[in-house]
Amino acid sequence: MEATYRALCADGYADLTMQRIADEAGKSKSLLHYHYGTKRELLVAFLAYLLDRFEAKVEATEGDAPEERLRFILDKMVPDEDDEGDYDRFGLALTELRIQAPHDEAYREQIAQNEVAIRERFADVIRDGIEQGVFRDVDADRTATLLFAALDGARLQRVIVSGADADTGHLSGADAPETVRAALDEFVVSNLLVENRDEESAHTEDDR
């Protein structure tokens, strides 16, 4: 699975071959075919592997404050400071793979499963926050859909149009994930917090 990730970052989806993955893994191509049969089967397994890794990282935060857990998941969808370009290279390869989904049932089902799981993780953390009195009583599923869609769209914008507006003086598409992440923190996460809501109400009363 790690070899598949490295090969996708290096070659993209279109040029990915079983031989390239085998070379990256230091294994024979026949061994890969023995375990996975086809490249499609291997990539479906790879998508499931990505979900398992994400789930493990989120589960490791159990016991932390809901606000911290929510921000942790959001941070997983933006580039790390020491990313070294993997976010963009892998993001492009993953976008190419997702484009195949409308025409390939195996890809479509696994990608849908991954996205549902991520949204459910958002929703679970929001529900925990509501139960603990940390978050306001909101529609957790709808809020989770907003958070995921905003950052998923920002990641797609960075991959597709990064640098296209660099000469216009506007923010580049390369900044989209961080910009959207900051906006979600300011306008969504902070608004979920009961403490911030109470402070806003107190200020409103003082103004009156």
Protein backbone atom coordinates (compact mmCIF):
# COMPACT_ATOMS: atom_id res chain seq x y z
CA MET A 1 0.00 0.00 0.00
CA GLU A 2 2.84 2.40 0.79
CA ALA A 3 4.44 1.51 -2.52
CA THR A 4 1.17 2.28 -4.31
CA TYR A 5 1.08 5.68 -2.62
CA ARG A 6 4.64 6.46 -3.67
CA ALA A 7 4.02 5.29 -7.24
CA LEU A 8 0.87 7.41 -7.51
CA CYS A 9 2.73 10.47 -6.24
CA ALA A 10 5.54 9.88 -8.73
CA ASP A 11 3.62 8.80 -11.83
CA GLY A 12 -0.02 9.78 -11.33
CA TYR A 13 -3.00 7.56 -12.04
CA ALA A 14 -2.79 7.48 -15.84
CA ASP A 15 0.76 6.13 -15.93
CA LEU A 16 0.43 3.78 -12.95
CA THR A 17 1.21 0.13 -13.68
CA MET A 18 1.44 -3.00 -11.59
CA GLN A 19 5.09 -3.23 -12.61
CA ARG A 20 5.74 0.29 -11.31
CA ILE A 21 4.15 -0.57 -7.95
CA ALA A 22 6.05 -3.86 -7.79
CA ASP A 23 9.32 -2.04 -8.44
CA GLU A 24 8.52 0.51 -5.75
CA ALA A 25 7.71 -2.29 -3.29
CA GLY A 26 10.73 -4.38 -4.21
CA LYS A 27 8.44 -7.30 -5.09
CA SER A 28 7.63 -9.18 -8.27
CA LYS A 29 4.68 -8.17 -10.43
CA SER A 30 3.43 -11.76 -10.31
CA LEU A 31 3.22 -11.53 -6.51
CA LEU A 32 1.04 -8.43 -6.78
CA HIS A 33 -1.23 -10.15 -9.29
CA TYR A 34 -1.44 -13.18 -7.00
CA HIS A 35 -2.79 -11.06 -4.15
CA TYR A 36 -4.88 -8.51 -6.07
CA GLY A 37 -5.50 -9.91 -9.54
CA THR A 38 -5.80 -6.59 -11.36
CA LYS A 39 -4.69 -3.00 -10.92
CA ARG A 40 -8.29 -2.05 -10.23
CA GLU A 41 -8.51 -4.52 -7.34
CA LEU A 42 -5.25 -3.20 -5.92
CA LEU A 43 -6.43 0.41 -6.14
CA VAL A 44 -9.76 -0.41 -4.49
CA ALA A 45 -7.78 -2.07 -1.68
CA PHE A 46 -5.58 1.03 -1.55
CA LEU A 47 -8.61 3.30 -1.13
CA ALA A 48 -9.81 1.08 1.72
CA TYR A 49 -6.32 1.29 3.23
CA LEU A 50 -6.50 5.10 3.16
CA LEU A 51 -9.79 4.96 5.04
CA ASP A 52 -8.37 2.57 7.65
CA ARG A 53 -5.43 4.93 8.23
CA PHE A 54 -7.76 7.89 8.60
CA GLU A 55 -10.01 6.00 11.02
CA ALA A 56 -7.03 4.94 13.14
CA LYS A 57 -5.79 8.53 13.41
CA VAL A 58 -9.21 9.81 14.43
CA GLU A 59 -9.72 7.00 16.93
CA ALA A 60 -6.40 7.95 18.54
CA THR A 61 -7.98 11.31 19.50
CA GLU A 62 -10.81 9.73 21.49
CA GLY A 63 -10.81 11.25 24.94
CA ASP A 64 -9.71 14.64 23.65
CA ALA A 65 -12.06 17.63 23.81
CA PRO A 66 -14.65 17.66 20.97
CA GLU A 67 -13.37 21.01 19.71
CA GLU A 68 -9.82 19.63 19.46
CA ARG A 69 -11.03 16.47 17.72
CA LEU A 70 -13.05 18.45 15.20
CA ARG A 71 -10.11 20.68 14.36
CA PHE A 72 -7.86 17.61 14.09
CA ILE A 73 -10.06 16.11 11.37
CA LEU A 74 -10.18 19.42 9.54
CA ASP A 75 -6.39 19.64 9.68
CA LYS A 76 -6.10 16.18 8.08
CA MET A 77 -7.64 17.63 4.90
CA VAL A 78 -5.09 20.41 4.36
CA PRO A 79 -1.35 20.17 3.51
CA ASP A 80 1.16 19.63 6.29
CA GLU A 81 3.98 22.14 6.66
CA ASP A 82 6.51 19.43 5.76
CA ASP A 83 4.39 18.08 2.92
CA GLU A 84 7.14 18.46 0.27
CA GLY A 85 4.61 18.42 -2.57
CA ASP A 86 3.01 15.04 -1.85
CA TYR A 87 -0.35 16.71 -1.13
CA ASP A 88 -0.48 18.08 -4.68
CA ARG A 89 0.96 15.05 -6.46
CA PHE A 90 -1.23 12.59 -4.63
CA GLY A 91 -4.22 14.94 -4.83
CA LEU A 92 -3.92 15.02 -8.60
CA ALA A 93 -3.60 11.23 -8.82
CA LEU A 94 -6.60 10.78 -6.53
CA THR A 95 -8.63 13.24 -8.59
CA GLU A 96 -7.81 11.27 -11.74
CA LEU A 97 -8.91 8.11 -9.98
CA ARG A 98 -12.15 9.68 -8.76
CA ILE A 99 -12.97 10.75 -12.32
CA GLN A 100 -13.16 7.05 -13.18
CA ALA A 101 -15.78 6.41 -10.51
CA PRO A 102 -18.90 7.28 -12.57
CA HIS A 103 -17.84 4.60 -15.05
CA ASP A 104 -16.43 2.01 -12.65
CA GLU A 105 -18.65 0.50 -9.97
CA ALA A 106 -15.79 -0.82 -7.84
CA TYR A 107 -14.14 2.60 -7.61
CA ARG A 108 -17.48 4.33 -7.11
CA GLU A 109 -18.53 2.13 -4.20
CA GLN A 110 -15.22 2.40 -2.35
CA ILE A 111 -14.90 6.16 -2.86
CA ALA A 112 -18.49 6.61 -1.67
CA GLN A 113 -17.72 4.47 1.39
CA ASN A 114 -14.66 6.57 2.20
CA GLU A 115 -16.54 9.85 1.89
CA VAL A 116 -19.48 8.64 3.97
CA ALA A 117 -17.09 7.47 6.68
CA ILE A 118 -15.33 10.85 6.83
CA ARG A 119 -18.62 12.73 7.05
CA GLU A 120 -19.79 10.35 9.77
CA ARG A 121 -16.63 11.00 11.75
CA PHE A 122 -17.31 14.73 11.57
CA ALA A 123 -20.91 14.14 12.63
CA ASP A 124 -19.95 11.82 15.51
CA VAL A 125 -17.56 14.40 16.95
CA ILE A 126 -20.19 17.13 16.63
CA ARG A 127 -22.78 14.93 18.35
CA ASP A 128 -20.32 14.19 21.17
CA GLY A 129 -19.76 17.91 21.57
CA ILE A 130 -23.50 18.54 21.75
CA GLU A 131 -23.97 15.81 24.36
CA GLN A 132 -21.13 17.25 26.45
CA GLY A 133 -22.59 20.74 26.25
CA VAL A 134 -19.58 22.05 24.32
CA PHE A 135 -21.38 22.56 21.00
CA ARG A 136 -24.75 24.11 20.29
CA ASP A 137 -27.61 21.82 19.33
CA VAL A 138 -27.22 21.76 15.55
CA ASP A 139 -27.93 19.25 12.80
CA ALA A 140 -24.72 17.22 13.06
CA ASP A 141 -25.10 15.46 9.72
CA ARG A 142 -25.77 18.65 7.80
CA THR A 143 -22.86 20.45 9.47
CA ALA A 144 -20.58 17.50 8.73
CA THR A 145 -21.60 17.59 5.07
CA LEU A 146 -20.74 21.29 4.91
CA LEU A 147 -17.32 20.81 6.49
CA PHE A 148 -16.39 17.92 4.23
CA ALA A 149 -17.72 19.48 1.03
CA ALA A 150 -15.95 22.80 1.68
CA LEU A 151 -12.53 21.25 2.21
CA ASP A 152 -12.95 18.61 -0.48
CA GLY A 153 -13.83 21.37 -2.95
CA ALA A 154 -10.87 23.46 -1.81
CA ARG A 155 -8.54 20.52 -2.34
CA LEU A 156 -9.95 20.01 -5.83
CA GLN A 157 -9.53 23.72 -6.61
CA ARG A 158 -5.88 23.60 -5.56
CA VAL A 159 -5.20 20.55 -7.72
CA ILE A 160 -6.96 21.89 -10.83
CA VAL A 161 -6.36 25.64 -10.91
CA SER A 162 -3.39 26.22 -8.61
CA GLY A 163 -1.35 29.12 -9.95
CA ALA A 164 -3.83 30.02 -12.70
CA ASP A 165 -4.70 33.33 -11.01
CA ALA A 166 -1.19 34.12 -9.76
CA ASP A 167 -0.88 37.15 -12.06
CA THR A 168 -4.23 38.69 -11.17
CA GLY A 169 -3.39 39.74 -7.64
CA HIS A 170 -6.04 37.44 -6.24
CA LEU A 171 -5.48 34.52 -3.91
CA SER A 172 -4.08 31.57 -5.82
CA GLY A 173 -5.93 28.27 -5.93
CA ALA A 174 -2.89 26.91 -4.11
CA ASP A 175 -4.11 28.76 -1.03
CA ALA A 176 -7.63 27.35 -1.18
CA PRO A 177 -7.32 24.55 1.43
CA GLU A 178 -5.72 26.79 4.06
CA THR A 179 -8.09 29.68 3.29
CA VAL A 180 -11.18 27.51 3.51
CA ARG A 181 -9.83 25.78 6.63
CA ALA A 182 -9.40 29.17 8.35
CA ALA A 183 -12.87 30.29 7.24
CA LEU A 184 -14.46 27.13 8.62
CA ASP A 185 -12.71 27.72 11.92
CA GLU A 186 -13.94 31.31 12.04
CA PHE A 187 -17.49 30.92 10.80
CA VAL A 188 -18.45 27.32 11.62
CA VAL A 189 -16.38 25.82 14.43
CA SER A 190 -16.34 28.98 16.55
CA ASN A 191 -20.09 29.34 16.04
CA LEU A 192 -20.62 25.79 17.27
CA LEU A 193 -19.05 26.54 20.63
CA VAL A 194 -21.58 27.24 23.36
CA GLU A 195 -19.00 29.39 25.19
CA ASN A 196 -18.56 31.71 22.22
CA ARG A 197 -22.32 31.85 21.70
CA ASP A 198 -22.85 32.86 25.32
CA GLU A 199 -20.22 35.60 25.02
CA GLU A 200 -21.90 36.95 21.89
CA SER A 201 -25.26 37.00 23.69
CA ALA A 202 -23.72 38.85 26.62
CA HIS A 203 -22.22 41.47 24.29
CA THR A 204 -25.59 41.90 22.62
CA GLU A 205 -27.27 42.47 25.98
CA ASP A 206 -24.59 45.01 26.95
CA ASP A 207 -25.12 46.89 23.68
CA ARG A 208 -28.79 47.19 24.49
